[in-house]
Amino acid sequence: MDDKSDASFTRREVLKLTAVSMGVATTTMVPLMSRALAEESTGAAKPSTQHVRMTVNGKAIELDLDTRTTLLDALREHLQLTGTKKGCDHGQCGACTAIVDGRRINTCLTFAVMHEGAKVTTIEGLGTPGALHPMQAAFVKHDGYQCGYCTPGQICSAVAVLDEIRRDVPSHVSAELTTRAKFSVDEVRERMSGNICRCGAYSNIIEAITEVAGERA
């Protein structure tokens, strides 16, 4: 027998053999991969959960939450307080602003489990349709909104801003200068710069805040 003829293959035959080999490998590997993925999914560890207690809008609540749950999602998805809006979900627009222990925060940037025992106030906790918070009433009076999506965050932030200004004025400063600081439009604009209004109602928002600051003073 001619060894040379037995060992020689045409290019076409080589391609056919390669295709058959790849087909066999694919037929064998796909079921193995599928089974491995199924085993991985069923055997995966359950998400870590934690019991959280906090006071939301004056009401004590307790939740068992995935430790990765943001405060925003806890409010919206677990407590159905949907007034707090999810805008950018990256802390850039301020639509999710709520007041936590007297200070405003972007609830999309913090985990709920980080606020064990905290006092949280959302737009629903500031006032009701029949008894509006002064800031809510001022926003209505001055048309401090258009589409309204950013409005809950704007109002919560505005309420906190006036408290911030009062806290940040040194105790030795005279009452006259303290009052003047409360009415500084530039100060309010700077402090409210983290709350974005895509409709551009900024001048009306400032008018509303200024009116409430005047009433407080």
C-alpha atoms as a PDB file:
ATOM      1  CA  MET A   1       0.000   0.000   0.000  1.00  0.00           C
ATOM      2  CA  ASP A   2       1.208   3.483  -0.863  1.00  0.00           C
ATOM      3  CA  ASP A   3       1.790   5.379   2.460  1.00  0.00           C
ATOM      4  CA  LYS A   4       1.837   8.678   0.650  1.00  0.00           C
ATOM      5  CA  SER A   5      -1.632   8.209  -0.759  1.00  0.00           C
ATOM      6  CA  ASP A   6      -3.019   7.166   2.637  1.00  0.00           C
ATOM      7  CA  ALA A   7      -1.637  10.238   4.419  1.00  0.00           C
ATOM      8  CA  SER A   8      -2.608  12.822   1.827  1.00  0.00           C
ATOM      9  CA  PHE A   9      -5.816  14.878   2.126  1.00  0.00           C
ATOM     10  CA  THR A  10      -7.282  17.496  -0.088  1.00  0.00           C
ATOM     11  CA  ARG A  11      -8.086  20.940   1.271  1.00  0.00           C
ATOM     12  CA  ARG A  12     -11.786  20.175   0.929  1.00  0.00           C
ATOM     13  CA  GLU A  13     -11.468  16.991   3.022  1.00  0.00           C
ATOM     14  CA  VAL A  14      -9.598  18.875   5.772  1.00  0.00           C
ATOM     15  CA  LEU A  15     -12.354  21.494   5.960  1.00  0.00           C
ATOM     16  CA  LYS A  16     -15.013  18.779   6.150  1.00  0.00           C
ATOM     17  CA  LEU A  17     -13.224  17.023   9.003  1.00  0.00           C
ATOM     18  CA  THR A  18     -12.808  20.341  10.876  1.00  0.00           C
ATOM     19  CA  ALA A  19     -16.506  21.136  10.533  1.00  0.00           C
ATOM     20  CA  VAL A  20     -17.509  17.685  11.817  1.00  0.00           C
ATOM     21  CA  SER A  21     -15.169  18.015  14.807  1.00  0.00           C
ATOM     22  CA  MET A  22     -16.556  21.452  15.712  1.00  0.00           C
ATOM     23  CA  GLY A  23     -20.105  20.140  15.438  1.00  0.00           C
ATOM     24  CA  VAL A  24     -19.376  17.265  17.789  1.00  0.00           C
ATOM     25  CA  ALA A  25     -17.685  19.614  20.288  1.00  0.00           C
ATOM     26  CA  THR A  26     -20.612  22.048  20.197  1.00  0.00           C
ATOM     27  CA  THR A  27     -23.169  19.268  20.639  1.00  0.00           C
ATOM     28  CA  THR A  28     -21.263  18.033  23.648  1.00  0.00           C
ATOM     29  CA  MET A  29     -20.459  21.374  25.281  1.00  0.00           C
ATOM     30  CA  VAL A  30     -23.845  23.123  25.073  1.00  0.00           C
ATOM     31  CA  PRO A  31     -25.679  20.637  27.336  1.00  0.00           C
ATOM     32  CA  LEU A  32     -22.737  20.691  29.747  1.00  0.00           C
ATOM     33  CA  MET A  33     -22.748  24.497  29.906  1.00  0.00           C
ATOM     34  CA  SER A  34     -26.515  24.632  30.328  1.00  0.00           C
ATOM     35  CA  ARG A  35     -26.379  22.141  33.169  1.00  0.00           C
ATOM     36  CA  ALA A  36     -23.547  24.040  34.836  1.00  0.00           C
ATOM     37  CA  LEU A  37     -25.464  27.318  34.639  1.00  0.00           C
ATOM     38  CA  ALA A  38     -28.580  25.669  36.050  1.00  0.00           C
ATOM     39  CA  GLU A  39     -26.629  24.195  38.931  1.00  0.00           C
ATOM     40  CA  GLU A  40     -24.976  27.555  39.603  1.00  0.00           C
ATOM     41  CA  SER A  41     -28.306  29.402  39.682  1.00  0.00           C
ATOM     42  CA  THR A  42     -29.986  26.925  42.022  1.00  0.00           C
ATOM     43  CA  GLY A  43     -26.968  26.657  44.266  1.00  0.00           C
ATOM     44  CA  ALA A  44     -26.253  30.388  44.466  1.00  0.00           C
ATOM     45  CA  ALA A  45     -26.249  31.936  47.924  1.00  0.00           C
ATOM     46  CA  LYS A  46     -29.328  33.933  48.843  1.00  0.00           C
ATOM     47  CA  PRO A  47     -28.882  37.728  49.034  1.00  0.00           C
ATOM     48  CA  SER A  48     -27.873  39.007  52.443  1.00  0.00           C
ATOM     49  CA  THR A  49     -30.798  40.618  54.270  1.00  0.00           C
ATOM     50  CA  GLN A  50     -30.982  42.812  57.336  1.00  0.00           C
ATOM     51  CA  HIS A  51     -33.786  43.953  59.620  1.00  0.00           C
ATOM     52  CA  VAL A  52     -34.093  47.741  59.561  1.00  0.00           C
ATOM     53  CA  ARG A  53     -36.030  50.007  61.884  1.00  0.00           C
ATOM     54  CA  MET A  54     -36.624  53.673  61.159  1.00  0.00           C
ATOM     55  CA  THR A  55     -39.234  56.363  61.532  1.00  0.00           C
ATOM     56  CA  VAL A  56     -40.704  57.534  58.232  1.00  0.00           C
ATOM     57  CA  ASN A  57     -42.992  60.565  58.236  1.00  0.00           C
ATOM     58  CA  GLY A  58     -43.591  60.127  61.960  1.00  0.00           C
ATOM     59  CA  LYS A  59     -44.477  56.444  61.706  1.00  0.00           C
ATOM     60  CA  ALA A  60     -42.268  53.646  63.045  1.00  0.00           C
ATOM     61  CA  ILE A  61     -41.560  51.047  60.373  1.00  0.00           C
ATOM     62  CA  GLU A  62     -39.643  47.774  60.247  1.00  0.00           C
ATOM     63  CA  LEU A  63     -38.408  46.111  57.066  1.00  0.00           C
ATOM     64  CA  ASP A  64     -36.344  43.079  56.135  1.00  0.00           C
ATOM     65  CA  LEU A  65     -34.270  44.327  53.229  1.00  0.00           C
ATOM     66  CA  ASP A  66     -31.590  43.106  50.889  1.00  0.00           C
ATOM     67  CA  THR A  67     -28.520  44.959  52.150  1.00  0.00           C
ATOM     68  CA  ARG A  68     -28.060  46.376  48.636  1.00  0.00           C
ATOM     69  CA  THR A  69     -31.450  48.151  48.683  1.00  0.00           C
ATOM     70  CA  THR A  70     -31.099  51.923  48.422  1.00  0.00           C
ATOM     71  CA  LEU A  71     -33.117  54.157  50.692  1.00  0.00           C
ATOM     72  CA  LEU A  72     -34.888  55.409  47.563  1.00  0.00           C
ATOM     73  CA  ASP A  73     -36.043  51.915  46.599  1.00  0.00           C
ATOM     74  CA  ALA A  74     -37.035  51.143  50.179  1.00  0.00           C
ATOM     75  CA  LEU A  75     -39.286  54.213  50.185  1.00  0.00           C
ATOM     76  CA  ARG A  76     -40.768  53.647  46.754  1.00  0.00           C
ATOM     77  CA  GLU A  77     -40.951  49.870  46.418  1.00  0.00           C
ATOM     78  CA  HIS A  78     -41.395  48.720  50.015  1.00  0.00           C
ATOM     79  CA  LEU A  79     -43.324  51.608  51.591  1.00  0.00           C
ATOM     80  CA  GLN A  80     -45.108  52.828  48.425  1.00  0.00           C
ATOM     81  CA  LEU A  81     -44.027  56.428  49.115  1.00  0.00           C
ATOM     82  CA  THR A  82     -43.705  57.229  45.432  1.00  0.00           C
ATOM     83  CA  GLY A  83     -43.593  60.993  45.886  1.00  0.00           C
ATOM     84  CA  THR A  84     -39.820  60.630  46.145  1.00  0.00           C
ATOM     85  CA  LYS A  85     -38.793  60.321  42.503  1.00  0.00           C
ATOM     86  CA  LYS A  86     -36.116  58.263  40.793  1.00  0.00           C
ATOM     87  CA  GLY A  87     -34.557  60.572  38.246  1.00  0.00           C
ATOM     88  CA  CYS A  88     -30.946  59.935  37.292  1.00  0.00           C
ATOM     89  CA  ASP A  89     -30.296  57.295  40.010  1.00  0.00           C
ATOM     90  CA  HIS A  90     -26.739  58.686  40.168  1.00  0.00           C
ATOM     91  CA  GLY A  91     -27.114  61.580  42.641  1.00  0.00           C
ATOM     92  CA  GLN A  92     -26.969  64.211  39.914  1.00  0.00           C
ATOM     93  CA  CYS A  93     -30.525  65.577  39.686  1.00  0.00           C
ATOM     94  CA  GLY A  94     -31.887  65.803  43.236  1.00  0.00           C
ATOM     95  CA  ALA A  95     -35.326  64.384  42.368  1.00  0.00           C
ATOM     96  CA  CYS A  96     -34.926  61.750  45.095  1.00  0.00           C
ATOM     97  CA  THR A  97     -34.126  64.235  47.886  1.00  0.00           C
ATOM     98  CA  ALA A  98     -35.563  63.448  51.302  1.00  0.00           C
ATOM     99  CA  ILE A  99     -34.792  64.776  54.770  1.00  0.00           C
ATOM    100  CA  VAL A 100     -32.971  62.308  57.027  1.00  0.00           C
ATOM    101  CA  ASP A 101     -32.306  63.279  60.637  1.00  0.00           C
ATOM    102  CA  GLY A 102     -32.859  66.917  59.729  1.00  0.00           C
ATOM    103  CA  ARG A 103     -30.566  66.990  56.701  1.00  0.00           C
ATOM    104  CA  ARG A 104     -31.353  66.522  53.027  1.00  0.00           C
ATOM    105  CA  ILE A 105     -29.749  63.647  51.174  1.00  0.00           C
ATOM    106  CA  ASN A 106     -29.945  61.981  47.774  1.00  0.00           C
ATOM    107  CA  THR A 107     -31.701  58.754  48.708  1.00  0.00           C
ATOM    108  CA  CYS A 108     -30.470  57.008  45.564  1.00  0.00           C
ATOM    109  CA  LEU A 109     -26.879  57.172  46.826  1.00  0.00           C
ATOM    110  CA  THR A 110     -27.323  55.561  50.233  1.00  0.00           C
ATOM    111  CA  PHE A 111     -28.334  52.102  51.414  1.00  0.00           C
ATOM    112  CA  ALA A 112     -31.399  51.786  53.609  1.00  0.00           C
ATOM    113  CA  VAL A 113     -29.500  49.634  56.125  1.00  0.00           C
ATOM    114  CA  MET A 114     -27.207  52.594  56.803  1.00  0.00           C
ATOM    115  CA  HIS A 115     -30.096  54.472  58.416  1.00  0.00           C
ATOM    116  CA  GLU A 116     -31.072  52.209  61.264  1.00  0.00           C
ATOM    117  CA  GLY A 117     -33.063  54.305  63.753  1.00  0.00           C
ATOM    118  CA  ALA A 118     -33.121  57.359  61.492  1.00  0.00           C
ATOM    119  CA  LYS A 119     -35.988  59.812  61.128  1.00  0.00           C
ATOM    120  CA  VAL A 120     -36.918  60.182  57.469  1.00  0.00           C
ATOM    121  CA  THR A 121     -39.250  62.809  56.035  1.00  0.00           C
ATOM    122  CA  THR A 122     -40.466  62.586  52.447  1.00  0.00           C
ATOM    123  CA  ILE A 123     -42.730  64.931  50.533  1.00  0.00           C
ATOM    124  CA  GLU A 124     -45.721  62.965  51.865  1.00  0.00           C
ATOM    125  CA  GLY A 125     -44.661  63.779  55.410  1.00  0.00           C
ATOM    126  CA  LEU A 126     -44.374  67.533  54.941  1.00  0.00           C
ATOM    127  CA  GLY A 127     -48.056  68.208  54.377  1.00  0.00           C
ATOM    128  CA  THR A 128     -51.351  66.913  53.021  1.00  0.00           C
ATOM    129  CA  PRO A 129     -53.664  68.293  50.315  1.00  0.00           C
ATOM    130  CA  GLY A 130     -55.835  69.758  53.054  1.00  0.00           C
ATOM    131  CA  ALA A 131     -52.965  71.048  55.191  1.00  0.00           C
ATOM    132  CA  LEU A 132     -50.034  72.020  52.992  1.00  0.00           C
ATOM    133  CA  HIS A 133     -46.606  72.796  54.374  1.00  0.00           C
ATOM    134  CA  PRO A 134     -45.806  76.507  53.870  1.00  0.00           C
ATOM    135  CA  MET A 135     -43.200  75.566  51.265  1.00  0.00           C
ATOM    136  CA  GLN A 136     -45.697  73.438  49.356  1.00  0.00           C
ATOM    137  CA  ALA A 137     -48.219  76.267  49.426  1.00  0.00           C
ATOM    138  CA  ALA A 138     -45.582  78.748  48.215  1.00  0.00           C
ATOM    139  CA  PHE A 139     -44.629  76.484  45.301  1.00  0.00           C
ATOM    140  CA  VAL A 140     -48.288  76.366  44.274  1.00  0.00           C
ATOM    141  CA  LYS A 141     -48.676  80.130  44.648  1.00  0.00           C
ATOM    142  CA  HIS A 142     -45.560  80.967  42.608  1.00  0.00           C
ATOM    143  CA  ASP A 143     -45.875  78.160  40.039  1.00  0.00           C
ATOM    144  CA  GLY A 144     -42.590  76.646  41.171  1.00  0.00           C
ATOM    145  CA  TYR A 145     -43.043  73.679  38.862  1.00  0.00           C
ATOM    146  CA  GLN A 146     -44.091  72.698  35.349  1.00  0.00           C
ATOM    147  CA  CYS A 147     -43.965  68.953  34.715  1.00  0.00           C
ATOM    148  CA  GLY A 148     -43.692  68.449  38.495  1.00  0.00           C
ATOM    149  CA  TYR A 149     -41.296  65.508  38.414  1.00  0.00           C
ATOM    150  CA  CYS A 150     -38.534  67.305  40.296  1.00  0.00           C
ATOM    151  CA  THR A 151     -40.924  69.171  42.609  1.00  0.00           C
ATOM    152  CA  PRO A 152     -40.918  66.758  45.605  1.00  0.00           C
ATOM    153  CA  GLY A 153     -37.134  66.861  45.728  1.00  0.00           C
ATOM    154  CA  GLN A 154     -37.088  70.620  45.210  1.00  0.00           C
ATOM    155  CA  ILE A 155     -39.510  71.176  48.098  1.00  0.00           C
ATOM    156  CA  CYS A 156     -37.723  68.817  50.501  1.00  0.00           C
ATOM    157  CA  SER A 157     -34.425  70.447  49.620  1.00  0.00           C
ATOM    158  CA  ALA A 158     -35.859  73.949  50.017  1.00  0.00           C
ATOM    159  CA  VAL A 159     -37.214  73.165  53.483  1.00  0.00           C
ATOM    160  CA  ALA A 160     -33.823  71.788  54.529  1.00  0.00           C
ATOM    161  CA  VAL A 161     -31.919  74.698  52.960  1.00  0.00           C
ATOM    162  CA  LEU A 162     -33.590  77.270  55.204  1.00  0.00           C
ATOM    163  CA  ASP A 163     -32.696  75.183  58.245  1.00  0.00           C
ATOM    164  CA  GLU A 164     -29.125  74.824  56.966  1.00  0.00           C
ATOM    165  CA  ILE A 165     -28.711  78.571  56.575  1.00  0.00           C
ATOM    166  CA  ARG A 166     -29.984  79.171  60.072  1.00  0.00           C
ATOM    167  CA  ARG A 167     -27.632  76.536  61.520  1.00  0.00           C
ATOM    168  CA  ASP A 168     -24.624  77.773  59.565  1.00  0.00           C
ATOM    169  CA  VAL A 169     -24.824  81.374  60.795  1.00  0.00           C
ATOM    170  CA  PRO A 170     -22.372  81.668  63.735  1.00  0.00           C
ATOM    171  CA  SER A 171     -24.002  82.195  67.115  1.00  0.00           C
ATOM    172  CA  HIS A 172     -22.137  85.475  67.711  1.00  0.00           C
ATOM    173  CA  VAL A 173     -23.524  87.094  64.548  1.00  0.00           C
ATOM    174  CA  SER A 174     -26.130  89.771  65.194  1.00  0.00           C
ATOM    175  CA  ALA A 175     -29.835  89.136  64.638  1.00  0.00           C
ATOM    176  CA  GLU A 176     -29.805  91.642  61.763  1.00  0.00           C
ATOM    177  CA  LEU A 177     -27.109  89.751  59.857  1.00  0.00           C
ATOM    178  CA  THR A 178     -28.802  86.441  60.614  1.00  0.00           C
ATOM    179  CA  THR A 179     -32.034  87.713  59.050  1.00  0.00           C
ATOM    180  CA  ARG A 180     -30.099  89.068  56.073  1.00  0.00           C
ATOM    181  CA  ALA A 181     -28.450  85.671  55.527  1.00  0.00           C
ATOM    182  CA  LYS A 182     -31.838  84.020  55.371  1.00  0.00           C
ATOM    183  CA  PHE A 183     -32.841  86.353  52.556  1.00  0.00           C
ATOM    184  CA  SER A 184     -29.687  85.979  50.465  1.00  0.00           C
ATOM    185  CA  VAL A 185     -30.917  84.847  47.054  1.00  0.00           C
ATOM    186  CA  ASP A 186     -27.390  83.982  45.939  1.00  0.00           C
ATOM    187  CA  GLU A 187     -26.965  81.784  49.008  1.00  0.00           C
ATOM    188  CA  VAL A 188     -30.228  79.969  48.277  1.00  0.00           C
ATOM    189  CA  ARG A 189     -29.369  79.508  44.585  1.00  0.00           C
ATOM    190  CA  GLU A 190     -26.000  78.005  45.479  1.00  0.00           C
ATOM    191  CA  ARG A 191     -27.446  75.629  48.052  1.00  0.00           C
ATOM    192  CA  MET A 192     -30.260  74.558  45.695  1.00  0.00           C
ATOM    193  CA  SER A 193     -27.899  73.974  42.752  1.00  0.00           C
ATOM    194  CA  GLY A 194     -28.004  70.210  43.254  1.00  0.00           C
ATOM    195  CA  ASN A 195     -31.712  70.118  42.423  1.00  0.00           C
ATOM    196  CA  ILE A 196     -32.198  70.236  38.661  1.00  0.00           C
ATOM    197  CA  CYS A 197     -35.414  71.513  37.054  1.00  0.00           C
ATOM    198  CA  ARG A 198     -35.403  70.452  33.415  1.00  0.00           C
ATOM    199  CA  CYS A 199     -38.386  72.734  32.792  1.00  0.00           C
ATOM    200  CA  GLY A 200     -36.414  75.771  33.973  1.00  0.00           C
ATOM    201  CA  ALA A 201     -38.754  77.048  36.705  1.00  0.00           C
ATOM    202  CA  TYR A 202     -35.835  78.300  38.800  1.00  0.00           C
ATOM    203  CA  SER A 203     -36.969  81.909  39.220  1.00  0.00           C
ATOM    204  CA  ASN A 204     -40.367  80.786  40.508  1.00  0.00           C
ATOM    205  CA  ILE A 205     -38.733  78.308  42.866  1.00  0.00           C
ATOM    206  CA  ILE A 206     -36.554  81.068  44.305  1.00  0.00           C
ATOM    207  CA  GLU A 207     -39.624  83.287  44.775  1.00  0.00           C
ATOM    208  CA  ALA A 208     -41.363  80.516  46.695  1.00  0.00           C
ATOM    209  CA  ILE A 209     -38.362  79.889  48.949  1.00  0.00           C
ATOM    210  CA  THR A 210     -37.837  83.599  49.551  1.00  0.00           C
ATOM    211  CA  GLU A 211     -41.453  84.015  50.612  1.00  0.00           C
ATOM    212  CA  VAL A 212     -41.224  81.194  53.139  1.00  0.00           C
ATOM    213  CA  ALA A 213     -37.908  82.548  54.445  1.00  0.00           C
ATOM    214  CA  GLY A 214     -39.570  85.911  54.937  1.00  0.00           C
ATOM    215  CA  GLU A 215     -42.425  84.360  56.877  1.00  0.00           C
ATOM    216  CA  ARG A 216     -39.972  82.541  59.125  1.00  0.00           C
ATOM    217  CA  ALA A 217     -37.921  85.677  59.719  1.00  0.00           C
END
